[in-house]
Amino acid sequence: MVESVTSAVIEKALDTVLRKVSEGRKLSTEDLVVLMLGLFREIRNDIANTNKRIDTLYDLLRKIYEALIKGATTQRQKAGKSQT
C-alpha cells in the first residue's frame, strides 16, 4: 500500500521535473532528488526484470539437466538388459 502511494507521488513529481527540463527551467535541489528517486526506481525495476530472466533460465537448465539424467539412466538400464 505504502509503496504504491510512494510510487504515485514519485511519478507525479517526476513528471513535473521533466516538464521543467523540457521548458529549459533551472532545477532545484529537490528536483534533482526527484530525478535520483526516479532513476533508482528504474534501476530497481531493471534488476527485478533481470532476476526474473535469470530464474527462467535456471528453471530451463534444471529441466534440461533432469531430462539428460533421465535419458542417461534409461540408456544404462537398456544397456544392462541387452547384456543379460
Protein backbone atom coordinates (compact mmCIF):
# COMPACT_ATOMS: atom_id res chain seq x y z
CA MET A 1 0.00 0.00 0.00
CA VAL A 2 2.68 2.48 1.06
CA GLU A 3 4.84 1.53 -1.91
CA SER A 4 2.04 2.22 -4.39
CA VAL A 5 1.36 5.63 -2.81
CA THR A 6 5.07 6.45 -2.81
CA SER A 7 5.37 5.33 -6.41
CA ALA A 8 2.45 7.54 -7.44
CA VAL A 9 3.95 10.55 -5.65
CA ILE A 10 7.34 9.99 -7.26
CA GLU A 11 5.71 9.57 -10.67
CA LYS A 12 3.81 12.85 -10.32
CA ALA A 13 6.90 14.71 -9.06
CA LEU A 14 9.00 13.19 -11.85
CA ASP A 15 6.50 14.40 -14.45
CA THR A 16 6.75 17.91 -13.00
CA VAL A 17 10.57 17.86 -13.05
CA LEU A 18 10.68 16.51 -16.60
CA ARG A 19 8.31 19.28 -17.65
CA LYS A 20 10.73 21.80 -16.12
CA VAL A 21 13.60 20.21 -18.03
CA SER A 22 11.71 20.34 -21.32
CA GLU A 23 10.92 24.02 -20.70
CA GLY A 24 14.60 24.74 -20.02
CA ARG A 25 13.95 25.92 -16.48
CA LYS A 26 16.54 25.66 -13.75
CA LEU A 27 16.21 22.65 -11.44
CA SER A 28 16.26 22.94 -7.67
CA THR A 29 17.95 20.54 -5.28
CA GLU A 30 14.55 18.94 -4.64
CA ASP A 31 14.11 18.44 -8.38
CA LEU A 32 17.46 16.64 -8.54
CA VAL A 33 16.42 14.40 -5.64
CA VAL A 34 13.22 13.53 -7.52
CA LEU A 35 15.28 12.65 -10.60
CA MET A 36 17.51 10.43 -8.47
CA LEU A 37 14.49 8.68 -6.94
CA GLY A 38 13.10 8.08 -10.42
CA LEU A 39 16.45 6.70 -11.54
CA PHE A 40 16.70 4.40 -8.52
CA ARG A 41 13.19 3.14 -9.17
CA GLU A 42 14.09 2.32 -12.78
CA ILE A 43 17.27 0.58 -11.69
CA ARG A 44 15.28 -1.47 -9.17
CA ASN A 45 12.82 -2.44 -11.90
CA ASP A 46 15.66 -3.42 -14.23
CA ILE A 47 17.21 -5.57 -11.52
CA ALA A 48 13.87 -7.25 -10.80
CA ASN A 49 13.40 -8.00 -14.51
CA THR A 50 16.93 -9.37 -14.78
CA ASN A 51 16.31 -11.59 -11.76
CA LYS A 52 13.14 -12.93 -13.39
CA ARG A 53 15.07 -13.76 -16.56
CA ILE A 54 17.79 -15.48 -14.53
CA ASP A 55 15.16 -17.52 -12.68
CA THR A 56 13.60 -18.54 -16.01
CA LEU A 57 16.98 -19.62 -17.36
CA TYR A 58 17.73 -21.53 -14.16
CA ASP A 59 14.42 -23.40 -14.43
CA LEU A 60 15.12 -24.23 -18.08
CA LEU A 61 18.60 -25.52 -17.25
CA ARG A 62 17.16 -27.60 -14.41
CA LYS A 63 14.64 -29.18 -16.77
CA ILE A 64 17.34 -29.89 -19.36
CA TYR A 65 19.57 -31.43 -16.68
CA GLU A 66 16.71 -33.61 -15.41
CA ALA A 67 15.92 -34.74 -18.96
CA LEU A 68 19.59 -35.62 -19.59
CA ILE A 69 19.84 -37.58 -16.35
CA LYS A 70 16.62 -39.42 -17.12
CA GLY A 71 17.84 -40.22 -20.64
CA ALA A 72 21.22 -41.44 -19.38
CA THR A 73 19.54 -43.62 -16.75
CA THR A 74 17.20 -45.10 -19.35
CA GLN A 75 20.13 -45.86 -21.68
CA ARG A 76 22.06 -47.58 -18.87
CA GLN A 77 19.01 -49.67 -17.99
CA LYS A 78 18.53 -50.67 -21.64
CA ALA A 79 22.23 -51.49 -21.98
CA GLY A 80 22.11 -53.60 -18.81
CA LYS A 81 19.10 -55.58 -20.08
CA SER A 82 20.61 -56.24 -23.51
CA GLN A 83 23.82 -57.67 -21.96
CA THR A 84 21.90 -60.28 -19.95
